[in-house]
Amino acid sequence: MSLRVAFPTNILQGEALVETARTLATTKGFAALNEALDALDDRLALRTYLDGYDLTVVDWLVWGSIRGNATFG
């Protein structure tokens, strides 16, 4: 795996995933987080990365949002 970080391949899709990251970072309560995480799980069922075939900024944003959420901390 290379350490090169790519930008989203589809800008509208990338913007939607960035909005998902914002939501994950600020959402309180396990039920609401579980719903958002289920949607991400569905998206990743047939993919390795959220957008495209390489690690992108979006993947890092979503990971950081999940990791930084106080509900999981």
C-alpha atoms as a PDB file:
ATOM      1  CA  MET A   1       0.000   0.000   0.000  1.00  0.00           C
ATOM      2  CA  SER A   2       1.356   3.409  -0.940  1.00  0.00           C
ATOM      3  CA  LEU A   3       1.186   6.416   1.348  1.00  0.00           C
ATOM      4  CA  ARG A   4      -0.057   8.621  -1.467  1.00  0.00           C
ATOM      5  CA  VAL A   5      -3.315  10.324  -0.536  1.00  0.00           C
ATOM      6  CA  ALA A   6      -5.681  11.044  -3.391  1.00  0.00           C
ATOM      7  CA  PHE A   7      -8.625  13.396  -3.552  1.00  0.00           C
ATOM      8  CA  PRO A   8     -12.173  12.164  -4.179  1.00  0.00           C
ATOM      9  CA  THR A   9     -12.859  11.054  -7.746  1.00  0.00           C
ATOM     10  CA  ASN A  10     -16.414  12.362  -7.786  1.00  0.00           C
ATOM     11  CA  ILE A  11     -16.664  15.808  -6.194  1.00  0.00           C
ATOM     12  CA  LEU A  12     -20.386  15.547  -5.345  1.00  0.00           C
ATOM     13  CA  GLN A  13     -19.905  12.133  -3.785  1.00  0.00           C
ATOM     14  CA  GLY A  14     -16.858  13.443  -1.949  1.00  0.00           C
ATOM     15  CA  GLU A  15     -18.856  16.377  -0.575  1.00  0.00           C
ATOM     16  CA  ALA A  16     -21.566  14.013   0.656  1.00  0.00           C
ATOM     17  CA  LEU A  17     -18.958  11.898   2.438  1.00  0.00           C
ATOM     18  CA  VAL A  18     -17.383  15.004   3.996  1.00  0.00           C
ATOM     19  CA  GLU A  19     -20.839  15.935   5.300  1.00  0.00           C
ATOM     20  CA  THR A  20     -21.119  12.405   6.721  1.00  0.00           C
ATOM     21  CA  ALA A  21     -17.801  12.962   8.503  1.00  0.00           C
ATOM     22  CA  ARG A  22     -19.108  16.213   9.994  1.00  0.00           C
ATOM     23  CA  THR A  23     -22.235  14.446  11.184  1.00  0.00           C
ATOM     24  CA  LEU A  24     -20.261  11.605  12.744  1.00  0.00           C
ATOM     25  CA  ALA A  25     -18.027  14.054  14.585  1.00  0.00           C
ATOM     26  CA  THR A  26     -20.900  15.934  16.227  1.00  0.00           C
ATOM     27  CA  THR A  27     -23.606  13.307  16.688  1.00  0.00           C
ATOM     28  CA  LYS A  28     -24.423  12.347  20.249  1.00  0.00           C
ATOM     29  CA  GLY A  29     -26.216   9.188  21.219  1.00  0.00           C
ATOM     30  CA  PHE A  30     -25.543   5.651  20.176  1.00  0.00           C
ATOM     31  CA  ALA A  31     -28.761   5.153  18.144  1.00  0.00           C
ATOM     32  CA  ALA A  32     -28.028   8.049  15.776  1.00  0.00           C
ATOM     33  CA  LEU A  33     -24.385   7.003  15.417  1.00  0.00           C
ATOM     34  CA  ASN A  34     -25.367   3.422  14.784  1.00  0.00           C
ATOM     35  CA  GLU A  35     -27.596   4.518  11.896  1.00  0.00           C
ATOM     36  CA  ALA A  36     -24.762   6.519  10.295  1.00  0.00           C
ATOM     37  CA  LEU A  37     -22.274   3.692  10.819  1.00  0.00           C
ATOM     38  CA  ASP A  38     -24.693   1.196   9.264  1.00  0.00           C
ATOM     39  CA  ALA A  39     -24.842   3.390   6.156  1.00  0.00           C
ATOM     40  CA  LEU A  40     -21.028   3.455   5.994  1.00  0.00           C
ATOM     41  CA  ASP A  41     -20.922  -0.302   6.511  1.00  0.00           C
ATOM     42  CA  ASP A  42     -23.314  -0.757   3.585  1.00  0.00           C
ATOM     43  CA  ARG A  43     -21.127   1.468   1.421  1.00  0.00           C
ATOM     44  CA  LEU A  44     -17.985  -0.453   2.346  1.00  0.00           C
ATOM     45  CA  ALA A  45     -19.543  -3.903   1.868  1.00  0.00           C
ATOM     46  CA  LEU A  46     -18.159  -4.152  -1.674  1.00  0.00           C
ATOM     47  CA  ARG A  47     -15.363  -1.567  -1.451  1.00  0.00           C
ATOM     48  CA  THR A  48     -12.060  -1.177   0.309  1.00  0.00           C
ATOM     49  CA  TYR A  49     -12.182   2.628   0.330  1.00  0.00           C
ATOM     50  CA  LEU A  50     -15.057   5.091   0.606  1.00  0.00           C
ATOM     51  CA  ASP A  51     -14.283   6.738  -2.719  1.00  0.00           C
ATOM     52  CA  GLY A  52     -12.310   5.279  -5.595  1.00  0.00           C
ATOM     53  CA  TYR A  53      -9.556   2.698  -5.555  1.00  0.00           C
ATOM     54  CA  ASP A  54      -7.051   4.481  -3.328  1.00  0.00           C
ATOM     55  CA  LEU A  55      -6.997   5.989   0.123  1.00  0.00           C
ATOM     56  CA  THR A  56      -8.420   9.510  -0.101  1.00  0.00           C
ATOM     57  CA  VAL A  57      -8.834  12.513   2.148  1.00  0.00           C
ATOM     58  CA  VAL A  58     -12.441  11.426   2.657  1.00  0.00           C
ATOM     59  CA  ASP A  59     -11.346   8.121   4.206  1.00  0.00           C
ATOM     60  CA  TRP A  60      -9.148   9.972   6.687  1.00  0.00           C
ATOM     61  CA  LEU A  61     -11.881  12.497   7.526  1.00  0.00           C
ATOM     62  CA  VAL A  62     -14.464   9.813   8.215  1.00  0.00           C
ATOM     63  CA  TRP A  63     -12.007   7.737  10.264  1.00  0.00           C
ATOM     64  CA  GLY A  64     -11.004  10.790  12.307  1.00  0.00           C
ATOM     65  CA  SER A  65     -14.635  11.712  12.898  1.00  0.00           C
ATOM     66  CA  ILE A  66     -15.461   8.264  14.192  1.00  0.00           C
ATOM     67  CA  ARG A  67     -12.309   8.115  16.314  1.00  0.00           C
ATOM     68  CA  GLY A  68     -12.857  11.591  17.733  1.00  0.00           C
ATOM     69  CA  ASN A  69     -16.516  11.171  18.612  1.00  0.00           C
ATOM     70  CA  ALA A  70     -17.027  11.406  22.367  1.00  0.00           C
ATOM     71  CA  THR A  71     -19.547   8.550  22.357  1.00  0.00           C
ATOM     72  CA  PHE A  72     -16.816   6.110  21.351  1.00  0.00           C
ATOM     73  CA  GLY A  73     -14.075   7.764  23.405  1.00  0.00           C
END
